[in-house]
Every structure is written in C-alpha cells, then in structure tokens.
Amino acid sequence: MKFFVRWLVTSIAVAAAVLLVPGFSVSGNAISAILAAAIIIGLVNATLGAVFKIGAIGCIIMTLGVFNLVINAGLLWISVWIVNNWLGWLGGAIVVDGKFWPYFWAAIVISIVSGVLSWFVRTDEDE
C-alpha cells in the first residue's frame, strides 16, 4: 500500500511540475508518461541518487546543501531520458525545452510538492 501511495504522490508532483514549469511538458498520452516518470524517478533516486550524493558529499557540504539541487536536476534528466527512450511504447513522452533550467525548476517543484503531500498523506505502515 505504501508503494502505491508514494507512486500517487510522485505522480501528482510530476503533474504539478508539468503545469508550473515553463519548458517542461508532456506529449502524447500524458497520464502514462506521468505515471511512468513517477516510477522511474523513484527508482533513479533510490539507486543513483544515493550514489551521487555520497560521491558528492564534499561539494554538498561546501555549498551548504545547494549542490543537492544540481544533483536532483541531473537525476531528473536521467529519469526523463529513460522514460522517453526506453518507455516510448507507452505512447507518452516528457518534453523539455532547454538544457538545464527546466530540469532544475521541475526538480524543485517535484521535491516541494512531493514533500508537502507526503506530510499530509500517511499510510498505516508509517505508524
């Protein structure tokens, strides 16, 4: 149950980024693209995110945590690339107009919306 709640929360956060961030949009089947992106974002953050953050601990400390934002933008870039190139058969894609800034702002929006929703949504397994 907790997996599905986290998936739904991340899906809502990705949809919010699509609505709020200029240059970050979906084409084709938007629902399948957003749901696939939510799963891939979770998997990439759980695996590569931990590796990148441990590897960049010096930069993160020196910038007082601001480098985490750059890492999150990079992880979002990897997630979007996976969704568009490996999961194209779903009929939807995430379209990003830009090199860095749309990923940067979308990662911030996804983090904030996901954090706020996770704060309000609790499962029985959280207690």
Protein backbone atom coordinates (compact mmCIF):
# COMPACT_ATOMS: atom_id res chain seq x y z
CA MET A 1 0.00 0.00 0.00
CA LYS A 2 2.81 2.39 0.85
CA PHE A 3 4.32 1.91 -2.63
CA PHE A 4 1.09 2.95 -4.35
CA VAL A 5 0.68 5.99 -2.12
CA ARG A 6 4.26 7.12 -2.85
CA TRP A 7 3.67 6.49 -6.56
CA LEU A 8 0.50 8.59 -6.50
CA VAL A 9 2.23 11.39 -4.56
CA THR A 10 5.13 11.46 -7.01
CA SER A 11 2.74 11.36 -9.96
CA ILE A 12 0.89 14.39 -8.61
CA ALA A 13 4.23 16.14 -8.08
CA VAL A 14 5.31 15.44 -11.68
CA ALA A 15 1.94 16.68 -12.94
CA ALA A 16 2.42 19.86 -10.89
CA ALA A 17 5.85 20.36 -12.47
CA VAL A 18 4.32 19.93 -15.92
CA LEU A 19 1.73 22.58 -15.09
CA LEU A 20 4.04 25.05 -13.32
CA VAL A 21 7.44 24.89 -15.03
CA PRO A 22 7.78 26.53 -18.44
CA GLY A 23 9.59 24.25 -20.87
CA PHE A 24 8.63 21.07 -19.00
CA SER A 25 5.63 19.40 -20.63
CA VAL A 26 4.21 16.10 -21.86
CA SER A 27 3.23 14.94 -25.31
CA GLY A 28 1.07 12.07 -26.39
CA ASN A 29 -0.59 10.11 -23.62
CA ALA A 30 0.07 12.42 -20.67
CA ILE A 31 -1.22 10.06 -17.99
CA SER A 32 1.02 7.18 -18.99
CA ALA A 33 4.03 9.50 -19.31
CA ILE A 34 3.46 10.97 -15.84
CA LEU A 35 2.85 7.59 -14.20
CA ALA A 36 5.94 6.09 -15.86
CA ALA A 37 8.00 9.13 -14.89
CA ALA A 38 6.91 8.77 -11.27
CA ILE A 39 8.11 5.16 -11.11
CA ILE A 40 11.38 5.91 -12.88
CA ILE A 41 12.06 8.98 -10.72
CA GLY A 42 11.60 6.85 -7.61
CA LEU A 43 13.91 4.12 -8.88
CA VAL A 44 16.60 6.54 -10.08
CA ASN A 45 16.51 8.48 -6.81
CA ALA A 46 16.73 5.31 -4.75
CA THR A 47 19.70 3.92 -6.68
CA LEU A 48 21.74 6.54 -8.48
CA GLY A 49 20.64 9.34 -6.15
CA ALA A 50 22.27 7.71 -3.18
CA VAL A 51 25.47 7.02 -5.12
CA PHE A 52 25.72 10.56 -6.49
CA LYS A 53 25.02 12.19 -3.13
CA ILE A 54 27.59 10.05 -1.35
CA GLY A 55 30.12 10.74 -4.10
CA ALA A 56 29.48 14.49 -3.98
CA ILE A 57 29.36 14.85 -0.21
CA GLY A 58 32.28 17.29 -0.28
CA CYS A 59 30.56 19.59 -2.78
CA ILE A 60 27.30 19.34 -0.87
CA ILE A 61 28.97 20.35 2.39
CA MET A 62 30.96 23.18 0.77
CA THR A 63 27.81 24.65 -0.81
CA LEU A 64 25.72 24.10 2.33
CA GLY A 65 23.43 21.68 0.50
CA VAL A 66 22.79 23.77 -2.60
CA PHE A 67 24.61 21.22 -4.77
CA ASN A 68 21.79 18.80 -3.92
CA LEU A 69 19.61 20.87 -6.27
CA VAL A 70 22.05 20.29 -9.12
CA ILE A 71 22.15 16.56 -8.36
CA ASN A 72 18.34 16.42 -8.32
CA ALA A 73 18.21 18.17 -11.70
CA GLY A 74 20.67 15.62 -13.09
CA LEU A 75 18.66 12.73 -11.68
CA LEU A 76 15.52 14.18 -13.26
CA TRP A 77 17.36 14.43 -16.60
CA ILE A 78 18.29 10.74 -16.34
CA SER A 79 14.69 9.83 -15.43
CA VAL A 80 13.24 11.78 -18.36
CA TRP A 81 15.76 10.19 -20.71
CA ILE A 82 14.76 6.70 -19.53
CA VAL A 83 11.04 7.47 -19.89
CA ASN A 84 11.45 8.90 -23.38
CA ASN A 85 13.89 6.33 -24.76
CA TRP A 86 13.00 3.07 -23.02
CA LEU A 87 9.32 3.53 -22.30
CA GLY A 88 8.29 5.21 -25.54
CA TRP A 89 5.92 2.33 -26.29
CA LEU A 90 3.58 3.75 -23.62
CA GLY A 91 2.54 6.45 -26.06
CA GLY A 92 3.63 9.45 -24.00
CA ALA A 93 6.80 11.42 -23.56
CA ILE A 94 8.11 14.22 -21.41
CA VAL A 95 9.26 17.17 -23.49
CA VAL A 96 11.87 19.52 -22.04
CA ASP A 97 12.71 22.75 -23.86
CA GLY A 98 16.13 23.62 -22.54
CA LYS A 99 19.34 22.13 -21.30
CA PHE A 100 19.41 22.72 -17.54
CA TRP A 101 16.93 25.22 -16.11
CA PRO A 102 13.67 23.38 -16.84
CA TYR A 103 15.13 20.29 -15.14
CA PHE A 104 16.34 22.41 -12.23
CA TRP A 105 12.99 24.12 -11.61
CA ALA A 106 10.99 20.94 -12.24
CA ALA A 107 13.15 19.07 -9.70
CA ILE A 108 12.47 21.79 -7.14
CA VAL A 109 8.72 21.71 -7.81
CA ILE A 110 8.64 17.89 -7.64
CA SER A 111 10.58 17.93 -4.36
CA ILE A 112 8.37 20.56 -2.74
CA VAL A 113 5.03 19.11 -3.87
CA SER A 114 6.11 15.57 -3.02
CA GLY A 115 7.32 16.65 0.41
CA VAL A 116 4.15 18.59 1.23
CA LEU A 117 1.86 15.79 0.04
CA SER A 118 3.88 13.17 1.92
CA TRP A 119 3.49 15.26 5.04
CA PHE A 120 -0.31 15.18 4.73
CA VAL A 121 -0.71 11.64 3.42
CA ARG A 122 0.03 8.86 5.87
CA THR A 123 -0.33 5.13 5.45
CA ASP A 124 -0.90 2.56 8.16
CA GLU A 125 2.69 1.36 7.68
CA ASP A 126 4.09 4.80 8.66
CA GLU A 127 2.98 4.44 12.27
